[in-house]
Amino acid sequence: MIAGVPKETCPGERRVAMVPHDIPRLARLGLEVLVERGAGLEAGFTDGEYEDKGATLASREEVFSRADLLLQVRAAGANPQGFEADVALYRRGQAVVAQADPLGSPEQVRRAAGAGVTLFALELIPRITRAQSMDVLSSQASIAGYKAVLLAAMELPRMFPMLNTAAGTIKPAKVLVVGAGVAGLQAIATARRLGAIVFGYDIRPAVREQIESLGAKFVEIDLGVEDAETEGGYAKEQSEETLRRQREALARQVAQSDVVITTAAVPGRKAPRIVTAEMVSSMAPGSVIVDLAAERGGNCELTRAGETVVEGGVRIVGPVNVPATVPYHASQMYARNVATFTASIVKDGALVVDVDDEVVRETLVARDGEVVSARVREILGLPPLPSSSAPEPTEGAS
C-alpha cells in the first residue's frame, strides 16, 4: 500500500502533512511513502531528508495517481482554492486523511464523496484520552496561542515585563485572554513568561484552576449558565442574551487591558461576538487586540480576517492560519498526529475501516460515494443513513 504526501496548495499554507522523522513510522505499518518534490521545503524539510528516511520523491501527478492513501494538511473545505484541482486528481477508492472543515463546508465533503474517496476529517477526532496524540486541533491551537502573544508584543508600543531601570520603573502590560481552550491556555502561559500581568476568562467555570495554575487571574462572571461545556470539552454555543450579559461584564476588564487576545470558537459555527466596537473605543490608544477567531468571523466586532484594523488608536489584528507561520514545529506536531491516526486505519499494509473504533467512526465523513457522517448529513439536510447501510468494517488497499 502506498501513502502519498503532496505539497499543500492553499495560499499561505507552509506546513506539510508528514515530516522526514515520521516516515519510518509509516514504513512500519507496511506503507511505501511517496512525497511530492518540494513538499516540505517551506516548512524547512529538504527532499534529501525525506529520501534519507526511506521516502520516494515523485511529481504531484504521480503522488495522486499511485497513492492509495493521501496525507494532507488541507483538503475539501479546508482548501477552497485548491480543492477543485485535487478533485480532478482523486481516484475512486482512494483514502484521504486531512483537515477538511466538514462542519463549516459540508458541500465540499459532498464533492469528495462524489469523487469516490474515503475521507477522514481530522477536525472530528473525539476528545478522548486515547485520541490525544491524534488531536490536530489541539496541537495546532497550542502554536496559535503562542504566536498570538508574539504578534501582540510586536504591535504593542510598550514592553510586556516590569523593568527597574536607571531611567525609572516600567510597569508590566496587562493582558486579557478570552477563552481558555488549548490556544487560550498557551497564550496565558506565553504572556506570563514575557512578564505581563495576565487575566483569563472562559464561560466554563471548570477551567478556573487551569488558568490560575499558569499564574493568571481568573475573571469571574456569573452568567447563570450551568452547562457551558460539551461532552467533547468544547464551550457550547450560547444564546444571544448570555452573550450580551457576558459582553457587559467583560467591558470593564477590556477597558483596563493593554492587550486582549480572543480565542473563543464553536466548531462548525461562526465565532461568538464578544468584544464590541464600544468596548474597543474604551481601550487606551496603542492597545492591541489579537483575534484568533478571525477566520470564523471574529470575536471582535471590528475584526477583518487577514488584516490589521486601527480604530481610535487601537490595533485589531485578525490573523489567519496562524500555525502556518511556524511551519517547522507545526508540521512536526501535525505529522505526529497523522502518523498516530494512520496506525488506527492501516493494519499490515492494508486499509482497515473499523467503525467500531470511535476514532475511526467519528472522523469518517465520506465513503463509497456517500456522505456517511451523521453530523455532516444533518447540516446538508440529508436523511440519516438506514442502519442496514451503515458502514461495516472492511479491509483492503483502498
Protein backbone atom coordinates (compact mmCIF):
# COMPACT_ATOMS: atom_id res chain seq x y z
CA MET A 1 0.00 0.00 0.00
CA ILE A 2 1.30 3.45 -0.93
CA ALA A 3 0.89 6.63 1.14
CA GLY A 4 1.27 9.91 -0.73
CA VAL A 5 2.28 13.29 0.69
CA PRO A 6 1.50 16.13 -1.77
CA LYS A 7 2.64 19.72 -1.44
CA GLU A 8 -0.05 21.95 0.06
CA THR A 9 -1.75 24.31 -2.41
CA CYS A 10 -3.81 26.56 -0.14
CA PRO A 11 -2.39 30.13 -0.37
CA GLY A 12 -0.16 30.85 2.63
CA GLU A 13 -0.06 27.23 3.75
CA ARG A 14 3.58 26.39 4.54
CA ARG A 15 3.03 23.20 6.53
CA VAL A 16 3.47 19.67 5.24
CA ALA A 17 1.43 16.66 6.37
CA MET A 18 4.39 14.36 7.02
CA VAL A 19 7.94 15.18 8.10
CA PRO A 20 11.02 13.01 7.44
CA HIS A 21 11.28 11.91 11.09
CA ASP A 22 7.93 10.07 10.90
CA ILE A 23 8.44 8.32 7.56
CA PRO A 24 9.83 5.20 9.33
CA ARG A 25 6.66 5.03 11.45
CA LEU A 26 4.60 4.74 8.26
CA ALA A 27 7.02 2.16 6.88
CA ARG A 28 6.49 0.02 9.98
CA LEU A 29 2.78 -0.02 9.15
CA GLY A 30 3.64 -1.60 5.80
CA LEU A 31 3.38 1.61 3.79
CA GLU A 32 5.59 2.77 0.95
CA VAL A 33 5.75 6.59 1.07
CA LEU A 34 5.72 8.89 -1.96
CA VAL A 35 6.46 12.58 -1.34
CA GLU A 36 5.94 15.31 -3.89
CA ARG A 37 9.20 17.08 -4.68
CA GLY A 38 9.48 20.26 -2.64
CA ALA A 39 6.54 19.36 -0.38
CA GLY A 40 8.42 20.17 2.81
CA LEU A 41 10.73 22.98 1.69
CA GLU A 42 8.65 25.86 3.07
CA ALA A 43 8.46 24.08 6.42
CA GLY A 44 12.23 23.58 6.49
CA PHE A 45 12.48 19.94 5.34
CA THR A 46 14.54 19.13 2.24
CA ASP A 47 13.86 16.44 -0.36
CA GLY A 48 17.12 14.79 0.66
CA GLU A 49 15.92 14.39 4.23
CA TYR A 50 12.82 12.55 3.03
CA GLU A 51 14.94 10.25 0.84
CA ASP A 52 17.32 9.57 3.73
CA LYS A 53 14.35 8.32 5.78
CA GLY A 54 13.16 5.98 3.03
CA ALA A 55 10.59 8.04 1.10
CA THR A 56 10.47 8.18 -2.69
CA LEU A 57 10.21 11.55 -4.43
CA ALA A 58 7.65 11.97 -7.20
CA SER A 59 5.69 14.55 -9.17
CA ARG A 60 2.30 15.72 -7.94
CA GLU A 61 0.55 13.70 -10.65
CA GLU A 62 2.45 10.56 -9.64
CA VAL A 63 1.60 11.04 -5.97
CA PHE A 64 -2.13 11.32 -6.69
CA SER A 65 -2.20 8.55 -9.30
CA ARG A 66 -0.20 5.98 -7.33
CA ALA A 67 -1.14 6.63 -3.71
CA ASP A 68 -3.82 4.51 -2.05
CA LEU A 69 -3.76 6.86 0.96
CA LEU A 70 -3.22 10.62 0.67
CA LEU A 71 -1.97 12.52 3.72
CA GLN A 72 -2.70 16.25 3.53
CA VAL A 73 -2.87 19.27 5.82
CA ARG A 74 -5.85 20.74 3.97
CA ALA A 75 -8.46 19.05 1.78
CA ALA A 76 -12.09 19.69 0.81
CA GLY A 77 -13.46 22.81 2.52
CA ALA A 78 -10.18 23.49 4.31
CA ASN A 79 -8.59 24.19 0.90
CA PRO A 80 -11.28 26.09 -1.03
CA GLN A 81 -8.87 27.47 -3.62
CA GLY A 82 -7.05 24.23 -4.39
CA PHE A 83 -9.74 21.60 -3.89
CA GLU A 84 -11.03 21.71 -7.47
CA ALA A 85 -7.63 20.68 -8.75
CA ASP A 86 -7.40 17.91 -6.15
CA VAL A 87 -10.84 16.53 -7.00
CA ALA A 88 -9.75 16.17 -10.61
CA LEU A 89 -6.80 14.04 -9.47
CA TYR A 90 -8.60 11.86 -6.89
CA ARG A 91 -9.19 8.21 -7.74
CA ARG A 92 -12.31 6.32 -6.76
CA GLY A 93 -11.49 4.16 -3.75
CA GLN A 94 -8.58 6.36 -2.68
CA ALA A 95 -8.44 7.32 1.01
CA VAL A 96 -7.67 10.87 2.18
CA VAL A 97 -6.63 11.90 5.70
CA ALA A 98 -6.67 15.67 6.23
CA GLN A 99 -8.34 18.64 7.80
CA ALA A 100 -11.47 19.13 5.70
CA ASP A 101 -13.71 21.65 7.53
CA PRO A 102 -16.64 19.21 7.34
CA LEU A 103 -18.96 21.18 9.63
CA GLY A 104 -18.22 24.58 8.10
CA SER A 105 -18.06 23.47 4.44
CA PRO A 106 -20.24 20.37 4.16
CA GLU A 107 -20.81 20.82 0.41
CA GLN A 108 -17.15 20.12 -0.21
CA VAL A 109 -17.49 16.87 1.70
CA ARG A 110 -20.33 16.00 -0.67
CA ARG A 111 -17.97 16.75 -3.58
CA ALA A 112 -15.34 14.45 -2.12
CA ALA A 113 -17.95 11.73 -1.69
CA GLY A 114 -18.95 12.20 -5.31
CA ALA A 115 -15.34 11.66 -6.34
CA GLY A 116 -15.50 8.28 -4.62
CA VAL A 117 -12.82 8.87 -2.00
CA THR A 118 -12.87 7.67 1.59
CA LEU A 119 -12.37 10.91 3.52
CA PHE A 120 -11.27 11.18 7.14
CA ALA A 121 -11.66 14.70 8.61
CA LEU A 122 -9.15 15.16 11.40
CA GLU A 123 -11.08 18.07 12.96
CA LEU A 124 -13.58 15.47 14.18
CA ILE A 125 -11.09 13.48 16.27
CA PRO A 126 -13.04 12.86 19.51
CA ARG A 127 -11.61 14.41 22.65
CA ILE A 128 -10.98 11.18 24.48
CA THR A 129 -7.82 10.13 26.30
CA ARG A 130 -6.79 7.59 23.67
CA ALA A 131 -7.04 10.17 20.86
CA GLN A 132 -4.98 12.94 22.46
CA SER A 133 -1.93 12.01 20.39
CA MET A 134 -4.03 12.37 17.21
CA ASP A 135 -5.72 15.67 18.06
CA VAL A 136 -4.63 18.08 15.33
CA LEU A 137 -6.89 20.87 16.60
CA SER A 138 -5.14 20.87 19.96
CA SER A 139 -1.60 20.63 18.60
CA GLN A 140 -2.13 23.45 16.11
CA ALA A 141 -4.08 25.59 18.60
CA SER A 142 -1.14 25.50 21.00
CA ILE A 143 1.01 27.07 18.29
CA ALA A 144 -1.66 29.69 17.55
CA GLY A 145 -1.87 30.69 21.20
CA TYR A 146 1.90 31.07 21.45
CA LYS A 147 2.16 33.10 18.24
CA ALA A 148 -0.78 35.36 19.17
CA VAL A 149 1.17 36.72 22.11
CA LEU A 150 4.21 37.39 19.92
CA LEU A 151 2.00 39.23 17.42
CA ALA A 152 0.59 41.34 20.24
CA ALA A 153 4.07 42.07 21.58
CA MET A 154 5.17 43.25 18.13
CA GLU A 155 2.19 45.58 17.77
CA LEU A 156 2.14 46.97 21.32
CA PRO A 157 4.12 50.23 21.74
CA ARG A 158 5.30 49.10 25.16
CA MET A 159 7.05 46.10 26.68
CA PHE A 160 5.36 43.25 28.49
CA PRO A 161 7.52 42.88 31.64
CA MET A 162 8.07 45.17 34.58
CA LEU A 163 11.59 46.59 34.45
CA ASN A 164 13.50 48.52 37.07
CA THR A 165 15.97 50.73 35.24
CA ALA A 166 18.11 53.79 35.93
CA ALA A 167 15.53 55.70 33.93
CA GLY A 168 12.72 54.57 36.23
CA THR A 169 10.34 51.66 36.63
CA ILE A 170 8.41 50.34 33.64
CA LYS A 171 5.06 48.90 34.63
CA PRO A 172 4.08 45.49 33.22
CA ALA A 173 1.48 45.22 30.47
CA LYS A 174 -1.97 43.90 31.31
CA VAL A 175 -3.15 41.08 29.07
CA LEU A 176 -6.66 39.62 28.92
CA VAL A 177 -7.10 36.23 27.27
CA VAL A 178 -10.69 35.34 26.38
CA GLY A 179 -11.24 31.61 26.03
CA ALA A 180 -9.23 29.02 27.95
CA GLY A 181 -9.04 26.19 25.49
CA VAL A 182 -5.68 24.96 24.24
CA ALA A 183 -4.92 28.21 22.39
CA GLY A 184 -6.00 30.39 25.28
CA LEU A 185 -4.01 28.48 27.88
CA GLN A 186 -0.90 28.61 25.70
CA ALA A 187 -1.42 32.35 25.23
CA ILE A 188 -1.70 32.80 29.00
CA ALA A 189 1.48 30.81 29.60
CA THR A 190 3.41 32.73 26.93
CA ALA A 191 2.26 36.15 28.15
CA ARG A 192 3.24 35.22 31.69
CA ARG A 193 6.68 34.09 30.51
CA LEU A 194 7.10 37.52 28.91
CA GLY A 195 6.34 39.14 32.26
CA ALA A 196 2.83 40.50 31.72
CA ILE A 197 0.04 40.62 34.29
CA VAL A 198 -2.44 38.19 32.78
CA PHE A 199 -6.17 37.73 33.23
CA GLY A 200 -8.03 34.77 31.79
CA TYR A 201 -11.74 34.38 31.13
CA ASP A 202 -13.84 31.46 29.94
CA ILE A 203 -17.56 30.80 30.13
CA ARG A 204 -16.70 27.40 31.60
CA PRO A 205 -16.02 27.86 35.36
CA ALA A 206 -14.28 24.48 35.43
CA VAL A 207 -11.19 25.92 33.73
CA ARG A 208 -10.51 28.35 36.58
CA GLU A 209 -7.95 26.03 38.13
CA GLN A 210 -6.07 25.69 34.82
CA ILE A 211 -5.94 29.46 34.34
CA GLU A 212 -4.71 30.09 37.87
CA SER A 213 -2.14 27.27 37.67
CA LEU A 214 -0.42 29.25 34.91
CA GLY A 215 -0.12 32.31 37.12
CA ALA A 216 -3.03 34.27 35.66
CA LYS A 217 -6.03 35.75 37.45
CA PHE A 218 -9.41 34.26 36.62
CA VAL A 219 -12.08 36.77 35.60
CA GLU A 220 -15.21 35.50 37.32
CA ILE A 221 -18.54 36.38 35.70
CA ASP A 222 -21.77 34.74 36.80
CA LEU A 223 -23.88 34.33 33.67
CA GLY A 224 -26.30 31.86 35.20
CA VAL A 225 -25.19 29.15 32.77
CA GLU A 226 -24.85 25.76 34.43
CA ASP A 227 -23.90 23.60 31.45
CA ALA A 228 -21.42 25.55 29.32
CA GLU A 229 -19.33 22.63 28.06
CA THR A 230 -19.97 19.88 25.51
CA GLU A 231 -19.08 16.25 26.15
CA GLY A 232 -16.01 16.80 23.99
CA GLY A 233 -14.74 19.59 26.22
CA TYR A 234 -15.62 22.50 23.94
CA ALA A 235 -17.57 25.56 25.01
CA LYS A 236 -21.22 25.31 24.00
CA GLU A 237 -22.80 27.87 21.72
CA GLN A 238 -24.63 30.37 23.95
CA SER A 239 -27.81 32.37 23.50
CA GLU A 240 -27.62 36.00 22.42
CA GLU A 241 -28.87 37.05 25.86
CA THR A 242 -26.00 35.17 27.55
CA LEU A 243 -23.51 36.75 25.15
CA ARG A 244 -24.97 40.20 25.87
CA ARG A 245 -24.53 39.72 29.63
CA GLN A 246 -21.02 38.43 29.04
CA ARG A 247 -20.09 41.48 26.98
CA GLU A 248 -21.42 43.84 29.63
CA ALA A 249 -19.45 42.10 32.38
CA LEU A 250 -16.23 41.97 30.34
CA ALA A 251 -16.37 45.63 29.26
CA ARG A 252 -14.54 46.95 32.33
CA GLN A 253 -11.79 44.32 32.06
CA VAL A 254 -11.26 45.07 28.37
CA ALA A 255 -11.02 48.80 29.06
CA GLN A 256 -8.23 48.19 31.58
CA SER A 257 -6.21 45.90 29.29
CA ASP A 258 -3.26 46.78 27.10
CA VAL A 259 -3.71 43.56 25.12
CA VAL A 260 -6.80 41.43 24.52
CA ILE A 261 -6.37 38.01 22.89
CA THR A 262 -9.60 36.29 21.90
CA THR A 263 -9.76 32.55 21.15
CA ALA A 264 -13.45 31.66 21.55
CA ALA A 265 -14.77 29.32 18.88
CA VAL A 266 -17.60 26.83 18.41
CA PRO A 267 -16.81 24.02 15.91
CA GLY A 268 -18.68 24.50 12.62
CA ARG A 269 -20.27 27.80 13.67
CA LYS A 270 -19.48 31.48 13.37
CA ALA A 271 -17.33 32.75 16.21
CA PRO A 272 -19.30 34.40 19.04
CA ARG A 273 -19.11 38.19 19.12
CA ILE A 274 -17.63 39.10 22.49
CA VAL A 275 -15.75 42.39 22.03
CA THR A 276 -17.96 45.17 20.65
CA ALA A 277 -16.94 48.38 18.90
CA GLU A 278 -17.97 50.25 22.05
CA MET A 279 -15.60 48.12 24.12
CA VAL A 280 -12.79 48.83 21.67
CA SER A 281 -13.42 52.57 21.99
CA SER A 282 -12.95 52.27 25.77
CA MET A 283 -9.38 50.96 25.37
CA ALA A 284 -6.40 53.31 25.53
CA PRO A 285 -4.77 54.32 22.24
CA GLY A 286 -1.91 51.95 21.46
CA SER A 287 -3.76 48.95 22.88
CA VAL A 288 -3.88 45.76 20.82
CA ILE A 289 -6.49 43.09 20.14
CA VAL A 290 -5.38 39.81 18.52
CA ASP A 291 -8.44 37.88 17.34
CA LEU A 292 -7.61 34.21 16.76
CA ALA A 293 -11.20 33.60 15.68
CA ALA A 294 -10.80 35.93 12.68
CA GLU A 295 -11.27 33.13 10.14
CA ARG A 296 -14.68 32.30 11.65
CA GLY A 297 -15.94 35.89 11.63
CA GLY A 298 -14.04 37.08 14.69
CA ASN A 299 -14.76 37.52 18.38
CA CYS A 300 -14.34 41.27 17.93
CA GLU A 301 -16.96 43.23 16.04
CA LEU A 302 -14.28 45.20 14.14
CA THR A 303 -12.06 42.27 13.12
CA ARG A 304 -11.28 41.77 9.45
CA ALA A 305 -9.68 38.43 8.61
CA GLY A 306 -6.14 38.77 7.33
CA GLU A 307 -5.94 42.48 8.14
CA THR A 308 -4.92 44.85 10.91
CA VAL A 309 -7.59 47.47 11.59
CA VAL A 310 -6.86 50.65 13.54
CA GLU A 311 -9.82 52.15 15.37
CA GLY A 312 -9.36 55.04 17.80
CA GLY A 313 -5.69 54.17 18.11
CA VAL A 314 -6.44 50.53 18.98
CA ARG A 315 -4.91 47.95 16.64
CA ILE A 316 -7.17 44.95 15.91
CA VAL A 317 -5.18 42.11 14.35
CA GLY A 318 -7.11 39.39 12.52
CA PRO A 319 -4.51 36.71 11.69
CA VAL A 320 -5.41 33.71 9.56
CA ASN A 321 -3.83 30.25 9.53
CA VAL A 322 -1.51 31.16 12.38
CA PRO A 323 0.11 27.69 12.70
CA ALA A 324 1.42 28.02 9.13
CA THR A 325 3.57 30.95 10.30
CA VAL A 326 5.54 28.49 12.45
CA PRO A 327 5.64 25.73 9.82
CA TYR A 328 8.60 23.70 11.09
CA HIS A 329 7.22 22.80 14.50
CA ALA A 330 3.60 22.93 13.34
CA SER A 331 4.43 20.30 10.71
CA GLN A 332 6.30 18.18 13.27
CA MET A 333 3.29 18.15 15.58
CA TYR A 334 0.77 17.64 12.77
CA ALA A 335 2.79 14.79 11.28
CA ARG A 336 2.96 13.03 14.64
CA ASN A 337 -0.83 13.34 14.95
CA VAL A 338 -1.30 11.99 11.41
CA ALA A 339 1.12 9.09 11.85
CA THR A 340 -0.67 8.03 15.03
CA PHE A 341 -4.08 8.30 13.38
CA THR A 342 -2.86 6.34 10.34
CA ALA A 343 -1.91 3.48 12.65
CA SER A 344 -5.60 3.19 13.55
CA ILE A 345 -6.70 2.68 9.92
CA VAL A 346 -3.77 0.75 8.42
CA LYS A 347 -3.05 -2.81 9.55
CA ASP A 348 -0.30 -4.91 7.96
CA GLY A 349 -0.11 -2.65 4.92
CA ALA A 350 -3.86 -2.56 4.23
CA LEU A 351 -6.59 -0.02 4.91
CA VAL A 352 -8.96 -1.24 7.63
CA VAL A 353 -12.02 0.94 8.27
CA ASP A 354 -13.34 -0.32 11.58
CA VAL A 355 -16.38 1.78 12.54
CA ASP A 356 -16.49 0.08 15.93
CA ASP A 357 -13.44 2.19 16.71
CA GLU A 358 -14.74 5.54 17.99
CA VAL A 359 -11.85 7.48 16.45
CA VAL A 360 -12.41 5.97 13.01
CA ARG A 361 -16.19 6.27 13.19
CA GLU A 362 -16.19 9.94 14.19
CA THR A 363 -13.63 11.08 11.61
CA LEU A 364 -15.04 9.11 8.66
CA VAL A 365 -17.14 11.61 6.68
CA ALA A 366 -17.31 10.17 3.15
CA ARG A 367 -17.17 6.66 1.76
CA ASP A 368 -18.45 4.65 -1.22
CA GLY A 369 -19.93 7.74 -2.85
CA GLU A 370 -21.90 8.75 0.24
CA VAL A 371 -21.56 11.33 2.98
CA VAL A 372 -21.57 8.97 5.96
CA SER A 373 -21.07 11.34 8.91
CA ALA A 374 -24.38 11.84 10.73
CA ARG A 375 -23.35 15.37 11.76
CA VAL A 376 -22.48 16.41 8.20
CA ARG A 377 -25.59 14.77 6.76
CA GLU A 378 -27.74 16.73 9.19
CA ILE A 379 -26.13 20.02 8.14
CA LEU A 380 -26.68 19.12 4.48
CA GLY A 381 -30.33 18.29 5.15
CA LEU A 382 -29.80 14.65 4.18
CA PRO A 383 -31.80 11.91 5.90
CA PRO A 384 -29.97 9.59 8.28
CA LEU A 385 -28.44 6.57 6.62
CA PRO A 386 -30.51 3.44 7.26
CA SER A 387 -28.82 1.16 9.75
CA SER A 388 -28.64 -1.56 7.12
CA SER A 389 -26.40 0.69 5.00
CA ALA A 390 -24.20 1.89 7.85
CA PRO A 391 -20.51 1.31 7.07
CA GLU A 392 -19.16 -2.08 8.04
CA PRO A 393 -15.53 -2.79 8.92
CA THR A 394 -13.63 -3.51 5.71
CA GLU A 395 -10.09 -4.38 4.72
CA GLY A 396 -8.23 -3.68 1.53
CA ALA A 397 -5.75 -1.41 -0.17
CA SER A 398 -8.40 1.21 -0.83
